[in-house]
């Protein structure tokens, strides 16, 4: 709001002219492709794209803890769903702070991520079944592995349910709208 508008409506009565509320659902985000991982790592970890690639290559080649990192696909082959229990064990071993999330996940859920028709030459970037101590990883490797593992784990949690609300107010002759969940 501009200063003039804020002054004009300060301490004025507001009339609710409209209120809408809708129940919504948001499916779990798909596992990562390289570009989606780079975007999230930049936001969450302040990690530049090139460092994400180098770190992923290390997790893939040196430690064999993630699948092929140069993938542009965010889907998984249906056959990989049967590996979920061994990935659960590996994730909890490599990243003990995710052990509770592994335990609480519903391992019978199958998200939209498992879709053979959408898998190209490579599938999404996910953890492998290899389990080793996360203490053997560098700080950047640990942080990136955790991000990849969390995204995979989300496939075993239900859709997020929330209420989207929108309110329209009339204040001193002006129409104001606010929305949120």
Protein backbone atom coordinates (compact mmCIF):
# COMPACT_ATOMS: atom_id res chain seq x y z
CA UNK A 1 0.00 0.00 0.00
CA UNK A 2 1.15 3.51 -0.69
CA UNK A 3 1.55 5.87 2.22
CA UNK A 4 -1.48 7.94 1.11
CA UNK A 5 -3.76 4.91 0.88
CA UNK A 6 -2.55 3.59 4.23
CA UNK A 7 -3.35 6.94 5.87
CA UNK A 8 -6.79 7.08 4.24
CA UNK A 9 -7.87 3.62 5.50
CA UNK A 10 -6.18 3.69 8.94
CA UNK A 11 -8.74 3.19 11.74
CA UNK A 12 -11.61 2.85 9.21
CA UNK A 13 -14.26 0.16 9.43
CA UNK A 14 -13.95 -2.69 6.93
CA UNK A 15 -16.88 -4.47 5.32
CA UNK A 16 -16.35 -8.03 4.14
CA UNK A 17 -17.85 -8.07 0.65
CA UNK A 18 -16.79 -11.59 -0.24
CA UNK A 19 -15.21 -14.62 1.44
CA UNK A 20 -14.26 -17.83 -0.36
CA UNK A 21 -12.75 -20.97 1.09
CA UNK A 22 -11.77 -24.09 -0.84
CA UNK A 23 -10.29 -27.38 0.30
CA UNK A 24 -7.19 -28.14 -1.78
CA UNK A 25 -4.68 -30.96 -2.17
CA UNK A 26 -1.12 -30.84 -3.41
CA UNK A 27 0.60 -34.05 -4.43
CA UNK A 28 4.17 -34.69 -3.25
CA UNK A 29 6.79 -33.03 -5.46
CA UNK A 30 8.42 -35.35 -7.97
CA UNK A 31 11.96 -36.61 -7.36
CA UNK A 32 14.73 -34.43 -8.75
CA UNK A 33 16.14 -33.91 -12.21
CA UNK A 34 19.50 -32.13 -12.26
CA UNK A 35 17.97 -28.74 -13.03
CA UNK A 36 15.25 -29.00 -10.35
CA UNK A 37 17.90 -30.11 -7.83
CA UNK A 38 20.08 -27.14 -8.75
CA UNK A 39 17.16 -24.75 -8.24
CA UNK A 40 16.25 -26.19 -4.82
CA UNK A 41 19.89 -26.42 -3.70
CA UNK A 42 20.40 -22.77 -4.62
CA UNK A 43 17.34 -21.77 -2.57
CA UNK A 44 17.78 -24.08 0.42
CA UNK A 45 21.57 -24.41 0.61
CA UNK A 46 22.86 -21.34 -1.27
CA UNK A 47 24.77 -23.79 -3.45
CA UNK A 48 25.70 -22.65 -6.99
CA UNK A 49 24.65 -24.87 -9.91
CA UNK A 50 28.21 -25.94 -10.78
CA UNK A 51 28.90 -27.00 -7.18
CA UNK A 52 25.67 -29.03 -7.19
CA UNK A 53 26.83 -30.86 -10.32
CA UNK A 54 30.33 -31.51 -8.95
CA UNK A 55 28.93 -32.70 -5.62
CA UNK A 56 26.39 -34.96 -7.34
CA UNK A 57 29.14 -36.47 -9.47
CA UNK A 58 31.05 -37.29 -6.29
CA UNK A 59 27.98 -38.84 -4.65
CA UNK A 60 27.46 -40.89 -7.81
CA UNK A 61 31.00 -41.89 -8.82
CA UNK A 62 32.98 -41.91 -5.59
CA UNK A 63 30.34 -43.05 -3.08
CA UNK A 64 27.67 -44.69 -5.33
CA UNK A 65 24.98 -43.13 -3.08
CA UNK A 66 22.78 -41.57 -5.78
CA UNK A 67 21.66 -42.55 -9.25
CA UNK A 68 22.94 -40.92 -12.45
CA UNK A 69 23.00 -37.18 -11.68
CA UNK A 70 22.83 -35.64 -15.16
CA UNK A 71 19.25 -36.66 -15.69
CA UNK A 72 16.59 -34.33 -17.06
CA UNK A 73 13.80 -36.69 -15.95
CA UNK A 74 11.76 -36.47 -12.74
CA UNK A 75 10.05 -39.88 -12.99
CA UNK A 76 11.00 -43.40 -11.95
CA UNK A 77 10.49 -46.80 -13.61
CA UNK A 78 7.65 -48.76 -12.01
CA UNK A 79 10.08 -51.63 -11.34
CA UNK A 80 12.01 -49.38 -8.91
CA UNK A 81 9.04 -49.27 -6.53
CA UNK A 82 10.02 -52.72 -5.25
CA UNK A 83 13.37 -51.28 -4.05
CA UNK A 84 11.73 -48.87 -1.62
CA UNK A 85 12.42 -50.89 1.56
CA UNK A 86 16.14 -51.20 0.87
CA UNK A 87 16.30 -47.48 0.03
CA UNK A 88 14.54 -46.76 3.31
CA UNK A 89 17.32 -48.59 5.19
CA UNK A 90 20.06 -46.91 3.16
CA UNK A 91 18.65 -43.42 3.70
CA UNK A 92 18.34 -43.93 7.46
CA UNK A 93 21.95 -45.18 7.58
CA UNK A 94 23.51 -42.44 5.46
CA UNK A 95 21.36 -39.68 6.92
CA UNK A 96 20.29 -40.60 10.49
CA UNK A 97 18.37 -37.32 10.89
CA UNK A 98 15.89 -38.73 8.32
CA UNK A 99 15.40 -42.00 10.23
CA UNK A 100 12.14 -40.77 11.80
CA UNK A 101 10.82 -39.69 8.39
CA UNK A 102 11.71 -43.16 7.06
CA UNK A 103 9.89 -44.79 9.95
CA UNK A 104 6.78 -42.60 9.62
CA UNK A 105 6.42 -42.91 5.84
CA UNK A 106 3.66 -45.05 4.36
CA UNK A 107 5.70 -47.43 2.22
CA UNK A 108 2.57 -48.76 0.52
CA UNK A 109 1.83 -45.38 -1.11
CA UNK A 110 2.81 -45.03 -4.74
CA UNK A 111 2.98 -41.46 -6.00
CA UNK A 112 2.75 -40.33 -9.62
CA UNK A 113 6.56 -40.48 -9.78
CA UNK A 114 6.50 -44.13 -10.83
CA UNK A 115 5.57 -43.88 -14.49
CA UNK A 116 7.37 -45.87 -17.19
CA UNK A 117 5.84 -43.76 -19.96
CA UNK A 118 7.61 -40.63 -18.68
CA UNK A 119 11.07 -42.15 -18.14
CA UNK A 120 13.57 -41.44 -20.92
CA UNK A 121 17.21 -42.52 -21.17
CA UNK A 122 17.64 -41.85 -17.43
CA UNK A 123 15.23 -41.63 -14.51
CA UNK A 124 15.02 -39.14 -11.65
CA UNK A 125 17.91 -38.65 -9.23
CA UNK A 126 17.27 -40.74 -6.11
CA UNK A 127 19.37 -42.43 -3.42
CA UNK A 128 20.75 -45.88 -4.17
CA UNK A 129 20.51 -48.95 -1.96
CA UNK A 130 24.08 -48.47 -0.77
CA UNK A 131 24.33 -47.72 2.93
CA UNK A 132 27.41 -46.18 4.47
CA UNK A 133 28.08 -43.77 7.28
CA UNK A 134 27.22 -40.22 6.33
CA UNK A 135 30.24 -39.11 8.34
CA UNK A 136 32.40 -40.25 5.43
CA UNK A 137 30.84 -37.50 3.28
CA UNK A 138 31.87 -33.88 2.98
CA UNK A 139 29.51 -31.24 4.33
CA UNK A 140 28.24 -30.42 0.82
CA UNK A 141 27.77 -34.11 0.01
CA UNK A 142 25.77 -34.60 3.22
CA UNK A 143 23.56 -31.58 2.55
CA UNK A 144 22.87 -32.57 -1.06
CA UNK A 145 22.24 -36.22 -0.21
CA UNK A 146 19.75 -35.09 2.46
CA UNK A 147 17.90 -32.96 -0.11
CA UNK A 148 17.72 -35.84 -2.62
CA UNK A 149 16.66 -38.34 0.06
CA UNK A 150 13.93 -36.02 1.43
CA UNK A 151 12.49 -35.57 -2.06
CA UNK A 152 12.41 -39.35 -2.51
CA UNK A 153 10.82 -39.88 0.92
CA UNK A 154 8.01 -37.46 0.07
CA UNK A 155 6.75 -40.02 -2.44
CA UNK A 156 5.59 -42.07 0.56
CA UNK A 157 3.61 -39.34 2.25
CA UNK A 158 0.03 -38.35 1.43
CA UNK A 159 -0.88 -35.22 -0.48
CA UNK A 160 -0.76 -31.99 1.52
CA UNK A 161 -4.30 -30.88 2.35
CA UNK A 162 -5.04 -27.25 3.05
CA UNK A 163 -7.72 -24.58 2.82
CA UNK A 164 -7.28 -21.77 0.32
CA UNK A 165 -9.02 -18.62 1.56
CA UNK A 166 -9.75 -15.33 -0.17
CA UNK A 167 -11.39 -12.32 1.44
CA UNK A 168 -12.46 -9.12 -0.23
CA UNK A 169 -12.89 -6.01 1.93
CA UNK A 170 -14.33 -2.57 1.30
CA UNK A 171 -12.48 0.08 3.34
CA UNK A 172 -13.18 3.80 2.90
CA UNK A 173 -14.58 3.16 -0.58
CA UNK A 174 -11.60 1.08 -1.70
CA UNK A 175 -11.66 -2.64 -2.54
CA UNK A 176 -8.89 -4.78 -0.98
CA UNK A 177 -8.27 -8.49 -1.49
CA UNK A 178 -6.22 -10.87 0.61
CA UNK A 179 -5.63 -14.57 0.08
CA UNK A 180 -3.73 -17.29 1.85
CA UNK A 181 -3.87 -20.82 3.15
